[in-house]
Each structure stands twice: as structure tokens, then as C-alpha cells.
Amino acid sequence: RTDFPVQWATTQNNLAAAYRHRIRGDKADNLENAIAAYQQALEVSTRTDFPVDWAMTQNNLGNAYSNRIRGDKAENLENAIAAYQQALEVYTRTDFPVQWATTQNNLGTAYRDRI
């Protein structure tokens, strides 16, 4: 993390994605591990220094919270909504139309499922 922070953050993001899509092991544990890894990646991939990576990780974190099994469902959805909204601060319709549309769709799903 100290010597190669960018590579470390990328690895954390990839690890989180692997946990989020993992078919082995306990699904709830996998999602908790994914959330933790995304949060760690965000400690290095900040909006100021790496805005596109930050937005991607925020969107992915939102997906993990949307699917989270543990914790309060309403709180998980609020965390997902907050992450999607943050991603949309960078993923604008003009600059990143595909990512903007994907994140808008994710946000809409979270609003639909909101308790």
C-alpha cells in the first residue's frame, strides 16, 4: 500500500469484484469482504487524485450495498444510493454517457427497492 498505492487500490478493487461475484463460500461473507475492499480502495483512489477510478469504485460499492445480506436493509439501500450519487458527480451524462446511464439505472433500482 505504501510503496505502490495505485496498484494496491486497483488490486483492492479487483479483489472486491471477485468477492462480489464469487460463487463459493458464504454469500453474506463474500459481500462483506467486497464492501471492505471497496472501502479500502477508496482510501487511496480519492476523488481528487483519481476521479474516474473513484467513481467506478463508488458505483461498485453501491452495487455491493444493494445486494448486502447483513445489516439493516433500509440502511444498506441508503448507503447504495449515496454511493451512486457520489459516482454521478464524476460520471456526467456529457463526459461518461455509458457509465452515467449504468449508474443512473443502478440508482433507479435502489430507489425502487427503497424501504
N, C-alpha and C. Protein backbone atom coordinates (compact mmCIF):
# COMPACT_ATOMS: atom_id res chain seq x y z
N ARG A 1 0.83 -1.20 0.00
CA ARG A 1 0.00 0.00 0.00
C ARG A 1 0.87 1.26 0.00
N THR A 2 1.90 1.25 0.78
CA THR A 2 2.76 2.42 0.89
C THR A 2 3.64 2.61 -0.33
N ASP A 3 4.23 1.52 -0.81
CA ASP A 3 5.17 1.62 -1.92
C ASP A 3 4.50 1.78 -3.28
N PHE A 4 3.35 1.14 -3.45
CA PHE A 4 2.65 1.17 -4.74
C PHE A 4 1.15 1.42 -4.51
N PRO A 5 0.78 2.61 -4.09
CA PRO A 5 -0.60 2.86 -3.71
C PRO A 5 -1.62 2.68 -4.83
N VAL A 6 -1.27 3.08 -6.03
CA VAL A 6 -2.21 2.96 -7.15
C VAL A 6 -2.48 1.50 -7.46
N GLN A 7 -1.42 0.72 -7.53
CA GLN A 7 -1.57 -0.71 -7.81
C GLN A 7 -2.32 -1.40 -6.67
N TRP A 8 -2.05 -0.98 -5.45
CA TRP A 8 -2.72 -1.55 -4.29
C TRP A 8 -4.23 -1.28 -4.37
N ALA A 9 -4.59 -0.05 -4.69
CA ALA A 9 -6.00 0.31 -4.80
C ALA A 9 -6.68 -0.47 -5.92
N THR A 10 -5.99 -0.63 -7.04
CA THR A 10 -6.53 -1.43 -8.15
C THR A 10 -6.74 -2.87 -7.72
N THR A 11 -5.78 -3.41 -6.99
CA THR A 11 -5.90 -4.78 -6.50
C THR A 11 -7.07 -4.91 -5.54
N GLN A 12 -7.26 -3.93 -4.66
CA GLN A 12 -8.39 -3.96 -3.74
C GLN A 12 -9.71 -3.93 -4.50
N ASN A 13 -9.77 -3.12 -5.54
CA ASN A 13 -10.99 -3.05 -6.35
C ASN A 13 -11.25 -4.38 -7.05
N ASN A 14 -10.20 -4.98 -7.59
CA ASN A 14 -10.35 -6.28 -8.25
C ASN A 14 -10.73 -7.37 -7.26
N LEU A 15 -10.12 -7.33 -6.07
CA LEU A 15 -10.46 -8.30 -5.02
C LEU A 15 -11.92 -8.15 -4.62
N ALA A 16 -12.37 -6.92 -4.48
CA ALA A 16 -13.76 -6.68 -4.13
C ALA A 16 -14.70 -7.24 -5.20
N ALA A 17 -14.37 -7.01 -6.45
CA ALA A 17 -15.21 -7.53 -7.54
C ALA A 17 -15.23 -9.06 -7.52
N ALA A 18 -14.09 -9.66 -7.24
CA ALA A 18 -14.03 -11.12 -7.16
C ALA A 18 -14.92 -11.63 -6.03
N TYR A 19 -14.86 -10.99 -4.88
CA TYR A 19 -15.72 -11.39 -3.77
C TYR A 19 -17.19 -11.17 -4.11
N ARG A 20 -17.50 -10.07 -4.76
CA ARG A 20 -18.91 -9.76 -5.07
C ARG A 20 -19.52 -10.78 -6.03
N HIS A 21 -18.70 -11.33 -6.92
CA HIS A 21 -19.20 -12.28 -7.91
C HIS A 21 -18.88 -13.74 -7.56
N ARG A 22 -18.26 -13.96 -6.42
CA ARG A 22 -17.82 -15.30 -6.03
C ARG A 22 -19.02 -16.22 -5.84
N ILE A 23 -18.91 -17.43 -6.37
CA ILE A 23 -19.99 -18.39 -6.22
C ILE A 23 -19.72 -19.40 -5.10
N ARG A 24 -18.51 -19.43 -4.60
CA ARG A 24 -18.17 -20.32 -3.48
C ARG A 24 -18.18 -19.53 -2.18
N GLY A 25 -18.32 -20.28 -1.10
CA GLY A 25 -18.31 -19.63 0.20
C GLY A 25 -19.66 -19.02 0.53
N ASP A 26 -19.72 -18.43 1.69
CA ASP A 26 -20.94 -17.81 2.17
C ASP A 26 -21.16 -16.47 1.46
N LYS A 27 -22.31 -16.31 0.83
CA LYS A 27 -22.61 -15.10 0.06
C LYS A 27 -22.53 -13.84 0.93
N ALA A 28 -23.05 -13.93 2.14
CA ALA A 28 -23.02 -12.77 3.04
C ALA A 28 -21.58 -12.39 3.38
N ASP A 29 -20.75 -13.39 3.67
CA ASP A 29 -19.33 -13.12 3.96
C ASP A 29 -18.64 -12.51 2.75
N ASN A 30 -18.94 -13.04 1.58
CA ASN A 30 -18.32 -12.52 0.36
C ASN A 30 -18.67 -11.05 0.14
N LEU A 31 -19.92 -10.69 0.37
CA LEU A 31 -20.33 -9.30 0.20
C LEU A 31 -19.68 -8.39 1.24
N GLU A 32 -19.55 -8.87 2.46
CA GLU A 32 -18.87 -8.07 3.50
C GLU A 32 -17.41 -7.84 3.11
N ASN A 33 -16.76 -8.88 2.61
CA ASN A 33 -15.37 -8.73 2.16
C ASN A 33 -15.27 -7.77 0.98
N ALA A 34 -16.24 -7.82 0.08
CA ALA A 34 -16.25 -6.90 -1.06
C ALA A 34 -16.39 -5.46 -0.59
N ILE A 35 -17.32 -5.22 0.31
CA ILE A 35 -17.53 -3.86 0.82
C ILE A 35 -16.26 -3.34 1.48
N ALA A 36 -15.64 -4.17 2.29
CA ALA A 36 -14.41 -3.76 2.98
C ALA A 36 -13.30 -3.43 1.98
N ALA A 37 -13.16 -4.23 0.94
CA ALA A 37 -12.11 -3.99 -0.05
C ALA A 37 -12.40 -2.73 -0.87
N TYR A 38 -13.67 -2.50 -1.24
CA TYR A 38 -14.01 -1.26 -1.95
C TYR A 38 -13.70 -0.04 -1.07
N GLN A 39 -14.04 -0.13 0.21
CA GLN A 39 -13.77 1.00 1.11
C GLN A 39 -12.27 1.26 1.24
N GLN A 40 -11.49 0.20 1.28
CA GLN A 40 -10.04 0.37 1.34
C GLN A 40 -9.51 1.00 0.06
N ALA A 41 -10.03 0.57 -1.08
CA ALA A 41 -9.60 1.16 -2.35
C ALA A 41 -9.89 2.66 -2.38
N LEU A 42 -11.02 3.06 -1.80
CA LEU A 42 -11.40 4.47 -1.80
C LEU A 42 -10.50 5.32 -0.91
N GLU A 43 -9.79 4.70 0.01
CA GLU A 43 -8.84 5.44 0.84
C GLU A 43 -7.66 5.96 0.00
N VAL A 44 -7.35 5.26 -1.07
CA VAL A 44 -6.24 5.65 -1.95
C VAL A 44 -6.77 6.31 -3.23
N SER A 45 -7.78 5.71 -3.83
CA SER A 45 -8.37 6.26 -5.06
C SER A 45 -9.37 7.34 -4.66
N THR A 46 -8.86 8.51 -4.37
CA THR A 46 -9.73 9.60 -3.94
C THR A 46 -10.31 10.33 -5.15
N ARG A 47 -11.37 11.05 -4.90
CA ARG A 47 -11.99 11.82 -5.98
C ARG A 47 -11.02 12.86 -6.53
N THR A 48 -10.24 13.45 -5.66
CA THR A 48 -9.30 14.49 -6.09
C THR A 48 -8.18 13.93 -6.96
N ASP A 49 -7.60 12.82 -6.54
CA ASP A 49 -6.43 12.28 -7.24
C ASP A 49 -6.78 11.36 -8.41
N PHE A 50 -7.84 10.59 -8.28
CA PHE A 50 -8.21 9.60 -9.31
C PHE A 50 -9.73 9.60 -9.49
N PRO A 51 -10.29 10.66 -10.04
CA PRO A 51 -11.75 10.79 -10.07
C PRO A 51 -12.49 9.68 -10.80
N VAL A 52 -11.96 9.19 -11.89
CA VAL A 52 -12.67 8.15 -12.64
C VAL A 52 -12.63 6.83 -11.88
N ASP A 53 -11.48 6.48 -11.34
CA ASP A 53 -11.39 5.26 -10.52
C ASP A 53 -12.28 5.37 -9.29
N TRP A 54 -12.30 6.55 -8.70
CA TRP A 54 -13.13 6.80 -7.52
C TRP A 54 -14.61 6.60 -7.86
N ALA A 55 -15.05 7.14 -8.98
CA ALA A 55 -16.44 7.00 -9.39
C ALA A 55 -16.78 5.54 -9.67
N MET A 56 -15.89 4.83 -10.33
CA MET A 56 -16.12 3.41 -10.62
C MET A 56 -16.26 2.63 -9.31
N THR A 57 -15.38 2.92 -8.36
CA THR A 57 -15.42 2.21 -7.09
C THR A 57 -16.68 2.58 -6.31
N GLN A 58 -17.09 3.83 -6.37
CA GLN A 58 -18.34 4.23 -5.71
C GLN A 58 -19.53 3.47 -6.30
N ASN A 59 -19.58 3.36 -7.62
CA ASN A 59 -20.66 2.62 -8.26
C ASN A 59 -20.64 1.15 -7.83
N ASN A 60 -19.46 0.56 -7.82
CA ASN A 60 -19.34 -0.84 -7.41
C ASN A 60 -19.69 -1.03 -5.95
N LEU A 61 -19.30 -0.09 -5.10
CA LEU A 61 -19.67 -0.15 -3.69
C LEU A 61 -21.18 -0.06 -3.54
N GLY A 62 -21.80 0.79 -4.34
CA GLY A 62 -23.26 0.86 -4.33
C GLY A 62 -23.90 -0.46 -4.69
N ASN A 63 -23.34 -1.15 -5.68
CA ASN A 63 -23.86 -2.47 -6.05
C ASN A 63 -23.73 -3.46 -4.90
N ALA A 64 -22.59 -3.42 -4.22
CA ALA A 64 -22.39 -4.33 -3.10
C ALA A 64 -23.38 -4.04 -1.97
N TYR A 65 -23.59 -2.76 -1.67
CA TYR A 65 -24.57 -2.41 -0.64
C TYR A 65 -25.98 -2.78 -1.06
N SER A 66 -26.30 -2.65 -2.33
CA SER A 66 -27.64 -3.02 -2.82
C SER A 66 -27.92 -4.50 -2.62
N ASN A 67 -26.88 -5.31 -2.73
CA ASN A 67 -27.02 -6.76 -2.60
C ASN A 67 -26.69 -7.28 -1.21
N ARG A 68 -26.29 -6.40 -0.31
CA ARG A 68 -25.84 -6.81 1.02
C ARG A 68 -26.93 -7.58 1.76
N ILE A 69 -26.53 -8.65 2.39
CA ILE A 69 -27.44 -9.52 3.13
C ILE A 69 -27.49 -9.10 4.60
N ARG A 70 -26.35 -8.78 5.15
CA ARG A 70 -26.26 -8.42 6.57
C ARG A 70 -26.64 -6.96 6.77
N GLY A 71 -26.96 -6.66 8.02
CA GLY A 71 -27.29 -5.28 8.35
C GLY A 71 -28.74 -4.96 8.02
N ASP A 72 -29.09 -3.73 8.26
CA ASP A 72 -30.44 -3.25 8.03
C ASP A 72 -30.64 -2.96 6.54
N LYS A 73 -31.67 -3.55 5.96
CA LYS A 73 -31.91 -3.42 4.51
C LYS A 73 -32.08 -1.95 4.11
N ALA A 74 -32.83 -1.20 4.90
CA ALA A 74 -33.04 0.21 4.56
C ALA A 74 -31.73 0.99 4.61
N GLU A 75 -30.91 0.73 5.62
CA GLU A 75 -29.62 1.42 5.72
C GLU A 75 -28.70 1.03 4.58
N ASN A 76 -28.71 -0.25 4.21
CA ASN A 76 -27.89 -0.70 3.08
C ASN A 76 -28.29 0.02 1.80
N LEU A 77 -29.59 0.17 1.58
CA LEU A 77 -30.06 0.86 0.38
C LEU A 77 -29.70 2.34 0.41
N GLU A 78 -29.76 2.96 1.58
CA GLU A 78 -29.36 4.36 1.69
C GLU A 78 -27.87 4.52 1.39
N ASN A 79 -27.06 3.57 1.87
CA ASN A 79 -25.62 3.59 1.56
C ASN A 79 -25.39 3.41 0.07
N ALA A 80 -26.17 2.53 -0.56
CA ALA A 80 -26.06 2.31 -2.00
C ALA A 80 -26.42 3.59 -2.76
N ILE A 81 -27.52 4.21 -2.37
CA ILE A 81 -27.96 5.44 -3.03
C ILE A 81 -26.90 6.53 -2.90
N ALA A 82 -26.33 6.66 -1.72
CA ALA A 82 -25.28 7.67 -1.50
C ALA A 82 -24.07 7.39 -2.39
N ALA A 83 -23.68 6.13 -2.51
CA ALA A 83 -22.52 5.78 -3.34
C ALA A 83 -22.81 6.08 -4.81
N TYR A 84 -24.01 5.72 -5.29
CA TYR A 84 -24.36 6.01 -6.68
C TYR A 84 -24.38 7.52 -6.94
N GLN A 85 -24.94 8.27 -6.01
CA GLN A 85 -24.99 9.73 -6.20
C GLN A 85 -23.59 10.32 -6.25
N GLN A 86 -22.69 9.79 -5.43
CA GLN A 86 -21.31 10.28 -5.48
C GLN A 86 -20.66 9.94 -6.82
N ALA A 87 -20.89 8.73 -7.30
CA ALA A 87 -20.33 8.34 -8.60
C ALA A 87 -20.81 9.28 -9.70
N LEU A 88 -22.08 9.68 -9.62
CA LEU A 88 -22.65 10.56 -10.64
C LEU A 88 -22.08 11.98 -10.60
N GLU A 89 -21.39 12.33 -9.54
CA GLU A 89 -20.70 13.63 -9.51
C GLU A 89 -19.57 13.67 -10.53
N VAL A 90 -19.01 12.51 -10.84
CA VAL A 90 -17.94 12.41 -11.84
C VAL A 90 -18.49 11.87 -13.16
N TYR A 91 -19.32 10.84 -13.06
CA TYR A 91 -19.91 10.24 -14.26
C TYR A 91 -21.05 11.13 -14.77
N THR A 92 -20.70 12.16 -15.48
CA THR A 92 -21.72 13.04 -16.04
C THR A 92 -22.22 12.48 -17.37
N ARG A 93 -23.41 12.90 -17.72
CA ARG A 93 -24.01 12.44 -18.99
C ARG A 93 -23.15 12.85 -20.18
N THR A 94 -22.55 14.01 -20.11
CA THR A 94 -21.74 14.52 -21.21
C THR A 94 -20.40 13.81 -21.32
N ASP A 95 -19.70 13.67 -20.20
CA ASP A 95 -18.34 13.14 -20.23
C ASP A 95 -18.25 11.62 -20.23
N PHE A 96 -19.21 10.96 -19.57
CA PHE A 96 -19.18 9.49 -19.44
C PHE A 96 -20.59 8.95 -19.65
N PRO A 97 -21.13 9.05 -20.86
CA PRO A 97 -22.54 8.70 -21.06
C PRO A 97 -22.90 7.26 -20.71
N VAL A 98 -22.03 6.31 -21.02
CA VAL A 98 -22.34 4.90 -20.72
C VAL A 98 -22.32 4.66 -19.22
N GLN A 99 -21.27 5.13 -18.55
CA GLN A 99 -21.18 4.96 -17.10
C GLN A 99 -22.29 5.73 -16.39
N TRP A 100 -22.62 6.90 -16.91
CA TRP A 100 -23.71 7.70 -16.36
C TRP A 100 -25.02 6.91 -16.43
N ALA A 101 -25.30 6.33 -17.60
CA ALA A 101 -26.54 5.58 -17.78
C ALA A 101 -26.58 4.35 -16.87
N THR A 102 -25.47 3.64 -16.78
CA THR A 102 -25.40 2.45 -15.92
C THR A 102 -25.64 2.83 -14.46
N THR A 103 -24.99 3.88 -14.02
CA THR A 103 -25.13 4.30 -12.63
C THR A 103 -26.53 4.85 -12.36
N GLN A 104 -27.10 5.56 -13.32
CA GLN A 104 -28.49 6.02 -13.18
C GLN A 104 -29.43 4.84 -13.04
N ASN A 105 -29.20 3.80 -13.82
CA ASN A 105 -30.02 2.60 -13.73
C ASN A 105 -29.89 1.96 -12.35
N ASN A 106 -28.65 1.86 -11.86
CA ASN A 106 -28.43 1.30 -10.53
C ASN A 106 -29.12 2.14 -9.46
N LEU A 107 -29.03 3.45 -9.60
CA LEU A 107 -29.67 4.35 -8.65
C LEU A 107 -31.19 4.18 -8.69
N GLY A 108 -31.74 4.07 -9.88
CA GLY A 108 -33.18 3.86 -10.02
C GLY A 108 -33.63 2.57 -9.37
N THR A 109 -32.85 1.52 -9.53
CA THR A 109 -33.18 0.24 -8.89
C THR A 109 -33.15 0.37 -7.38
N ALA A 110 -32.15 1.06 -6.86
CA ALA A 110 -32.06 1.26 -5.41
C ALA A 110 -33.25 2.08 -4.90
N TYR A 111 -33.64 3.11 -5.64
CA TYR A 111 -34.82 3.88 -5.25
C TYR A 111 -36.08 3.02 -5.29
N ARG A 112 -36.18 2.17 -6.28
CA ARG A 112 -37.34 1.28 -6.39
C ARG A 112 -37.44 0.35 -5.19
N ASP A 113 -36.28 -0.15 -4.76
CA ASP A 113 -36.24 -1.11 -3.65
C ASP A 113 -36.24 -0.44 -2.28
N ARG A 114 -36.16 0.88 -2.28
CA ARG A 114 -36.07 1.64 -1.03
C ARG A 114 -37.23 1.30 -0.10
N ILE A 115 -36.88 1.17 1.16
CA ILE A 115 -37.90 0.80 2.17
C ILE A 115 -38.37 2.06 2.87
